[in-house]
Amino acid sequence: MLHVCDIFAVDYDLKFNTHAKSAAMGVGSCFNVDCASLMLTEQNLTYVATVNYLVAAKCFKCTMDHIRMKF
């Protein structure tokens, strides 16, 4: 599926920011298992435990901690 995204990006002159904004997160029973690396635009995606409002767990969990800290 990521290969399809790469092809689409090339066709429509789009670029993915794999260093700062593109990441992979595991959700489900294997959320804390080391997985094979995913590549997007010939660069490995970083696995993260949280993404704005979402936390890696067995099911989707929302977090507002970063908003509370700004308040």
PDB file of N, CA and C in Angstrom:
ATOM      1  N   MET A   1       0.810  -1.186   0.000  1.00  0.00           N
ATOM      2  CA  MET A   1       0.000   0.000   0.000  1.00  0.00           C
ATOM      3  C   MET A   1       0.867   1.268   0.000  1.00  0.00           C
ATOM      4  N   LEU A   2       1.966   1.227   0.721  1.00  0.00           N
ATOM      5  CA  LEU A   2       2.850   2.402   0.725  1.00  0.00           C
ATOM      6  C   LEU A   2       3.461   2.628  -0.652  1.00  0.00           C
ATOM      7  N   HIS A   3       3.687   1.542  -1.399  1.00  0.00           N
ATOM      8  CA  HIS A   3       4.212   1.681  -2.760  1.00  0.00           C
ATOM      9  C   HIS A   3       3.196   2.417  -3.634  1.00  0.00           C
ATOM     10  N   VAL A   4       1.926   2.138  -3.453  1.00  0.00           N
ATOM     11  CA  VAL A   4       0.870   2.837  -4.202  1.00  0.00           C
ATOM     12  C   VAL A   4       0.884   4.324  -3.849  1.00  0.00           C
ATOM     13  N   CYS A   5       1.105   4.644  -2.576  1.00  0.00           N
ATOM     14  CA  CYS A   5       1.204   6.048  -2.161  1.00  0.00           C
ATOM     15  C   CYS A   5       2.397   6.728  -2.815  1.00  0.00           C
ATOM     16  N   ASP A   6       3.519   6.008  -2.915  1.00  0.00           N
ATOM     17  CA  ASP A   6       4.700   6.556  -3.593  1.00  0.00           C
ATOM     18  C   ASP A   6       4.398   6.886  -5.046  1.00  0.00           C
ATOM     19  N   ILE A   7       3.755   5.975  -5.736  1.00  0.00           N
ATOM     20  CA  ILE A   7       3.425   6.182  -7.155  1.00  0.00           C
ATOM     21  C   ILE A   7       2.478   7.368  -7.306  1.00  0.00           C
ATOM     22  N   PHE A   8       1.462   7.454  -6.441  1.00  0.00           N
ATOM     23  CA  PHE A   8       0.523   8.567  -6.481  1.00  0.00           C
ATOM     24  C   PHE A   8       1.253   9.888  -6.267  1.00  0.00           C
ATOM     25  N   ALA A   9       2.172   9.921  -5.304  1.00  0.00           N
ATOM     26  CA  ALA A   9       2.921  11.144  -5.014  1.00  0.00           C
ATOM     27  C   ALA A   9       3.752  11.581  -6.209  1.00  0.00           C
ATOM     28  N   VAL A  10       4.366  10.648  -6.888  1.00  0.00           N
ATOM     29  CA  VAL A  10       5.169  10.987  -8.070  1.00  0.00           C
ATOM     30  C   VAL A  10       4.262  11.512  -9.178  1.00  0.00           C
ATOM     31  N   ASP A  11       3.124  10.848  -9.393  1.00  0.00           N
ATOM     32  CA  ASP A  11       2.202  11.261 -10.454  1.00  0.00           C
ATOM     33  C   ASP A  11       1.627  12.653 -10.223  1.00  0.00           C
ATOM     34  N   TYR A  12       1.370  13.006  -8.969  1.00  0.00           N
ATOM     35  CA  TYR A  12       0.735  14.281  -8.660  1.00  0.00           C
ATOM     36  C   TYR A  12       1.690  15.300  -8.037  1.00  0.00           C
ATOM     37  N   ASP A  13       2.980  15.037  -8.161  1.00  0.00           N
ATOM     38  CA  ASP A  13       4.018  15.959  -7.697  1.00  0.00           C
ATOM     39  C   ASP A  13       3.842  16.331  -6.220  1.00  0.00           C
ATOM     40  N   LEU A  14       3.671  15.302  -5.379  1.00  0.00           N
ATOM     41  CA  LEU A  14       3.549  15.475  -3.940  1.00  0.00           C
ATOM     42  C   LEU A  14       4.787  14.915  -3.261  1.00  0.00           C
ATOM     43  N   LYS A  15       5.077  15.400  -2.057  1.00  0.00           N
ATOM     44  CA  LYS A  15       6.222  14.890  -1.307  1.00  0.00           C
ATOM     45  C   LYS A  15       5.781  14.555   0.114  1.00  0.00           C
ATOM     46  N   PHE A  16       6.260  13.431   0.621  1.00  0.00           N
ATOM     47  CA  PHE A  16       6.009  13.039   2.001  1.00  0.00           C
ATOM     48  C   PHE A  16       7.174  13.498   2.862  1.00  0.00           C
ATOM     49  N   ASN A  17       6.891  14.020   4.028  1.00  0.00           N
ATOM     50  CA  ASN A  17       7.919  14.424   4.969  1.00  0.00           C
ATOM     51  C   ASN A  17       8.174  13.246   5.907  1.00  0.00           C
ATOM     52  N   THR A  18       9.054  12.340   5.493  1.00  0.00           N
ATOM     53  CA  THR A  18       9.286  11.123   6.264  1.00  0.00           C
ATOM     54  C   THR A  18      10.119  11.374   7.511  1.00  0.00           C
ATOM     55  N   HIS A  19      10.762  12.516   7.609  1.00  0.00           N
ATOM     56  CA  HIS A  19      11.595  12.802   8.780  1.00  0.00           C
ATOM     57  C   HIS A  19      10.781  13.383   9.935  1.00  0.00           C
ATOM     58  N   ALA A  20       9.818  14.238   9.637  1.00  0.00           N
ATOM     59  CA  ALA A  20       9.137  14.949  10.719  1.00  0.00           C
ATOM     60  C   ALA A  20       7.663  14.591  10.879  1.00  0.00           C
ATOM     61  N   LYS A  21       6.974  14.267   9.800  1.00  0.00           N
ATOM     62  CA  LYS A  21       5.529  14.137   9.910  1.00  0.00           C
ATOM     63  C   LYS A  21       4.974  12.759   9.581  1.00  0.00           C
ATOM     64  N   SER A  22       5.693  11.919   8.901  1.00  0.00           N
ATOM     65  CA  SER A  22       5.196  10.587   8.566  1.00  0.00           C
ATOM     66  C   SER A  22       5.776   9.577   9.549  1.00  0.00           C
ATOM     67  N   ALA A  23       4.895   8.775  10.142  1.00  0.00           N
ATOM     68  CA  ALA A  23       5.334   7.793  11.132  1.00  0.00           C
ATOM     69  C   ALA A  23       4.395   6.604  11.100  1.00  0.00           C
ATOM     70  N   ALA A  24       4.818   5.510  11.717  1.00  0.00           N
ATOM     71  CA  ALA A  24       4.000   4.303  11.834  1.00  0.00           C
ATOM     72  C   ALA A  24       3.692   4.063  13.299  1.00  0.00           C
ATOM     73  N   MET A  25       2.475   3.562  13.566  1.00  0.00           N
ATOM     74  CA  MET A  25       2.081   3.281  14.941  1.00  0.00           C
ATOM     75  C   MET A  25       1.309   1.972  14.958  1.00  0.00           C
ATOM     76  N   GLY A  26       1.669   1.087  15.877  1.00  0.00           N
ATOM     77  CA  GLY A  26       0.974  -0.185  16.002  1.00  0.00           C
ATOM     78  C   GLY A  26      -0.247  -0.062  16.891  1.00  0.00           C
ATOM     79  N   VAL A  27      -1.337  -0.681  16.455  1.00  0.00           N
ATOM     80  CA  VAL A  27      -2.574  -0.699  17.231  1.00  0.00           C
ATOM     81  C   VAL A  27      -3.104  -2.121  17.197  1.00  0.00           C
ATOM     82  N   GLY A  28      -3.549  -2.628  18.314  1.00  0.00           N
ATOM     83  CA  GLY A  28      -4.077  -3.973  18.386  1.00  0.00           C
ATOM     84  C   GLY A  28      -3.274  -4.823  19.343  1.00  0.00           C
ATOM     85  N   SER A  29      -3.453  -6.117  19.268  1.00  0.00           N
ATOM     86  CA  SER A  29      -2.825  -7.017  20.232  1.00  0.00           C
ATOM     87  C   SER A  29      -1.301  -7.008  20.138  1.00  0.00           C
ATOM     88  N   CYS A  30      -0.745  -6.589  19.031  1.00  0.00           N
ATOM     89  CA  CYS A  30       0.714  -6.568  18.846  1.00  0.00           C
ATOM     90  C   CYS A  30       1.263  -5.147  18.833  1.00  0.00           C
ATOM     91  N   PHE A  31       0.636  -4.242  19.573  1.00  0.00           N
ATOM     92  CA  PHE A  31       1.049  -2.835  19.500  1.00  0.00           C
ATOM     93  C   PHE A  31       2.456  -2.595  20.024  1.00  0.00           C
ATOM     94  N   ASN A  32       2.960  -3.476  20.878  1.00  0.00           N
ATOM     95  CA  ASN A  32       4.293  -3.255  21.439  1.00  0.00           C
ATOM     96  C   ASN A  32       5.332  -4.243  20.923  1.00  0.00           C
ATOM     97  N   VAL A  33       5.064  -4.883  19.794  1.00  0.00           N
ATOM     98  CA  VAL A  33       5.978  -5.850  19.193  1.00  0.00           C
ATOM     99  C   VAL A  33       6.802  -5.150  18.114  1.00  0.00           C
ATOM    100  N   ASP A  34       8.089  -5.483  18.029  1.00  0.00           N
ATOM    101  CA  ASP A  34       8.923  -4.932  16.957  1.00  0.00           C
ATOM    102  C   ASP A  34       8.467  -5.487  15.621  1.00  0.00           C
ATOM    103  N   CYS A  35       8.160  -4.612  14.701  1.00  0.00           N
ATOM    104  CA  CYS A  35       7.669  -5.013  13.379  1.00  0.00           C
ATOM    105  C   CYS A  35       8.732  -4.730  12.324  1.00  0.00           C
ATOM    106  N   ALA A  36       8.519  -5.278  11.155  1.00  0.00           N
ATOM    107  CA  ALA A  36       9.419  -5.022  10.034  1.00  0.00           C
ATOM    108  C   ALA A  36       9.355  -3.544   9.670  1.00  0.00           C
ATOM    109  N   SER A  37      10.445  -3.039   9.150  1.00  0.00           N
ATOM    110  CA  SER A  37      10.477  -1.621   8.784  1.00  0.00           C
ATOM    111  C   SER A  37       9.577  -1.362   7.583  1.00  0.00           C
ATOM    112  N   LEU A  38       8.942  -0.218   7.596  1.00  0.00           N
ATOM    113  CA  LEU A  38       8.097   0.229   6.496  1.00  0.00           C
ATOM    114  C   LEU A  38       8.837   1.325   5.757  1.00  0.00           C
ATOM    115  N   MET A  39       8.777   1.287   4.439  1.00  0.00           N
ATOM    116  CA  MET A  39       9.488   2.283   3.650  1.00  0.00           C
ATOM    117  C   MET A  39       8.508   3.133   2.857  1.00  0.00           C
ATOM    118  N   LEU A  40       8.737   4.425   2.896  1.00  0.00           N
ATOM    119  CA  LEU A  40       7.973   5.389   2.131  1.00  0.00           C
ATOM    120  C   LEU A  40       8.976   6.332   1.494  1.00  0.00           C
ATOM    121  N   THR A  41       8.901   6.496   0.201  1.00  0.00           N
ATOM    122  CA  THR A  41       9.857   7.290  -0.580  1.00  0.00           C
ATOM    123  C   THR A  41      11.296   6.856  -0.295  1.00  0.00           C
ATOM    124  N   GLU A  42      11.494   5.550  -0.273  1.00  0.00           N
ATOM    125  CA  GLU A  42      12.808   4.918  -0.094  1.00  0.00           C
ATOM    126  C   GLU A  42      13.470   5.275   1.239  1.00  0.00           C
ATOM    127  N   GLN A  43      12.664   5.634   2.244  1.00  0.00           N
ATOM    128  CA  GLN A  43      13.185   5.924   3.580  1.00  0.00           C
ATOM    129  C   GLN A  43      12.328   5.184   4.601  1.00  0.00           C
ATOM    130  N   ASN A  44      12.970   4.674   5.655  1.00  0.00           N
ATOM    131  CA  ASN A  44      12.252   3.953   6.696  1.00  0.00           C
ATOM    132  C   ASN A  44      11.383   4.896   7.516  1.00  0.00           C
ATOM    133  N   LEU A  45      10.160   4.451   7.811  1.00  0.00           N
ATOM    134  CA  LEU A  45       9.296   5.209   8.697  1.00  0.00           C
ATOM    135  C   LEU A  45       9.654   4.886  10.137  1.00  0.00           C
ATOM    136  N   THR A  46       9.556   5.863  10.993  1.00  0.00           N
ATOM    137  CA  THR A  46       9.827   5.689  12.411  1.00  0.00           C
ATOM    138  C   THR A  46       8.566   5.182  13.100  1.00  0.00           C
ATOM    139  N   TYR A  47       8.717   4.181  13.976  1.00  0.00           N
ATOM    140  CA  TYR A  47       7.595   3.709  14.787  1.00  0.00           C
ATOM    141  C   TYR A  47       7.479   4.597  16.015  1.00  0.00           C
ATOM    142  N   VAL A  48       6.263   5.055  16.316  1.00  0.00           N
ATOM    143  CA  VAL A  48       6.031   5.940  17.457  1.00  0.00           C
ATOM    144  C   VAL A  48       4.964   5.332  18.372  1.00  0.00           C
ATOM    145  N   ALA A  49       4.935   5.788  19.615  1.00  0.00           N
ATOM    146  CA  ALA A  49       3.946   5.312  20.582  1.00  0.00           C
ATOM    147  C   ALA A  49       2.730   6.232  20.653  1.00  0.00           C
ATOM    148  N   THR A  50       2.908   7.498  20.261  1.00  0.00           N
ATOM    149  CA  THR A  50       1.787   8.444  20.263  1.00  0.00           C
ATOM    150  C   THR A  50       1.827   9.301  19.002  1.00  0.00           C
ATOM    151  N   VAL A  51       0.650   9.677  18.557  1.00  0.00           N
ATOM    152  CA  VAL A  51       0.480  10.611  17.450  1.00  0.00           C
ATOM    153  C   VAL A  51      -0.639  11.534  17.896  1.00  0.00           C
ATOM    154  N   ASN A  52      -0.557  12.817  17.643  1.00  0.00           N
ATOM    155  CA  ASN A  52      -1.554  13.789  18.116  1.00  0.00           C
ATOM    156  C   ASN A  52      -2.899  13.130  18.425  1.00  0.00           C
ATOM    157  N   TYR A  53      -3.246  13.063  19.678  1.00  0.00           N
ATOM    158  CA  TYR A  53      -4.513  12.549  20.195  1.00  0.00           C
ATOM    159  C   TYR A  53      -4.606  11.026  20.271  1.00  0.00           C
ATOM    160  N   LEU A  54      -3.703  10.257  19.636  1.00  0.00           N
ATOM    161  CA  LEU A  54      -3.791   8.796  19.667  1.00  0.00           C
ATOM    162  C   LEU A  54      -2.601   8.197  20.398  1.00  0.00           C
ATOM    163  N   VAL A  55      -2.847   7.102  21.106  1.00  0.00           N
ATOM    164  CA  VAL A  55      -1.811   6.399  21.853  1.00  0.00           C
ATOM    165  C   VAL A  55      -1.802   4.953  21.395  1.00  0.00           C
ATOM    166  N   ALA A  56      -0.608   4.372  21.181  1.00  0.00           N
ATOM    167  CA  ALA A  56      -0.500   2.978  20.772  1.00  0.00           C
ATOM    168  C   ALA A  56      -0.956   2.088  21.918  1.00  0.00           C
ATOM    169  N   ALA A  57      -1.910   1.221  21.656  1.00  0.00           N
ATOM    170  CA  ALA A  57      -2.440   0.313  22.659  1.00  0.00           C
ATOM    171  C   ALA A  57      -3.213  -0.792  21.950  1.00  0.00           C
ATOM    172  N   LYS A  58      -3.882  -1.641  22.727  1.00  0.00           N
ATOM    173  CA  LYS A  58      -4.668  -2.725  22.125  1.00  0.00           C
ATOM    174  C   LYS A  58      -5.871  -2.183  21.367  1.00  0.00           C
ATOM    175  N   CYS A  59      -6.361  -1.019  21.757  1.00  0.00           N
ATOM    176  CA  CYS A  59      -7.443  -0.365  21.028  1.00  0.00           C
ATOM    177  C   CYS A  59      -7.103   1.122  20.955  1.00  0.00           C
ATOM    178  N   PHE A  60      -7.807   1.861  20.141  1.00  0.00           N
ATOM    179  CA  PHE A  60      -7.522   3.285  20.020  1.00  0.00           C
ATOM    180  C   PHE A  60      -7.808   3.985  21.342  1.00  0.00           C
ATOM    181  N   LYS A  61      -6.875   4.785  21.788  1.00  0.00           N
ATOM    182  CA  LYS A  61      -7.045   5.597  22.992  1.00  0.00           C
ATOM    183  C   LYS A  61      -6.724   7.036  22.635  1.00  0.00           C
ATOM    184  N   CYS A  62      -7.507   7.935  23.149  1.00  0.00           N
ATOM    185  CA  CYS A  62      -7.269   9.360  22.917  1.00  0.00           C
ATOM    186  C   CYS A  62      -6.574   9.963  24.124  1.00  0.00           C
ATOM    187  N   THR A  63      -5.718  10.918  23.865  1.00  0.00           N
ATOM    188  CA  THR A  63      -5.036  11.638  24.931  1.00  0.00           C
ATOM    189  C   THR A  63      -5.064  13.123  24.629  1.00  0.00           C
ATOM    190  N   MET A  64      -5.281  13.895  25.649  1.00  0.00           N
ATOM    191  CA  MET A  64      -5.285  15.349  25.513  1.00  0.00           C
ATOM    192  C   MET A  64      -4.178  15.970  26.368  1.00  0.00           C
ATOM    193  N   ASP A  65      -3.206  15.174  26.797  1.00  0.00           N
ATOM    194  CA  ASP A  65      -2.142  15.650  27.678  1.00  0.00           C
ATOM    195  C   ASP A  65      -1.380  16.827  27.099  1.00  0.00           C
ATOM    196  N   HIS A  66      -1.065  16.771  25.806  1.00  0.00           N
ATOM    197  CA  HIS A  66      -0.295  17.857  25.214  1.00  0.00           C
ATOM    198  C   HIS A  66      -1.094  19.165  25.176  1.00  0.00           C
ATOM    199  N   ILE A  67      -2.417  19.071  25.094  1.00  0.00           N
ATOM    200  CA  ILE A  67      -3.246  20.276  25.127  1.00  0.00           C
ATOM    201  C   ILE A  67      -3.289  20.835  26.543  1.00  0.00           C
ATOM    202  N   ARG A  68      -3.410  19.954  27.534  1.00  0.00           N
ATOM    203  CA  ARG A  68      -3.430  20.406  28.936  1.00  0.00           C
ATOM    204  C   ARG A  68      -2.117  21.085  29.300  1.00  0.00           C
ATOM    205  N   MET A  69      -1.004  20.566  28.803  1.00  0.00           N
ATOM    206  CA  MET A  69       0.287  21.171  29.125  1.00  0.00           C
ATOM    207  C   MET A  69       0.394  22.576  28.545  1.00  0.00           C
ATOM    208  N   LYS A  70      -0.181  22.814  27.371  1.00  0.00           N
ATOM    209  CA  LYS A  70      -0.150  24.149  26.772  1.00  0.00           C
ATOM    210  C   LYS A  70      -1.045  25.114  27.518  1.00  0.00           C
ATOM    211  N   PHE A  71      -2.150  24.584  28.124  1.00  0.00           N
ATOM    212  CA  PHE A  71      -3.096  25.435  28.834  1.00  0.00           C
ATOM    213  C   PHE A  71      -2.454  25.932  30.097  1.00  0.00           C
TER     214      PHE A  71
END
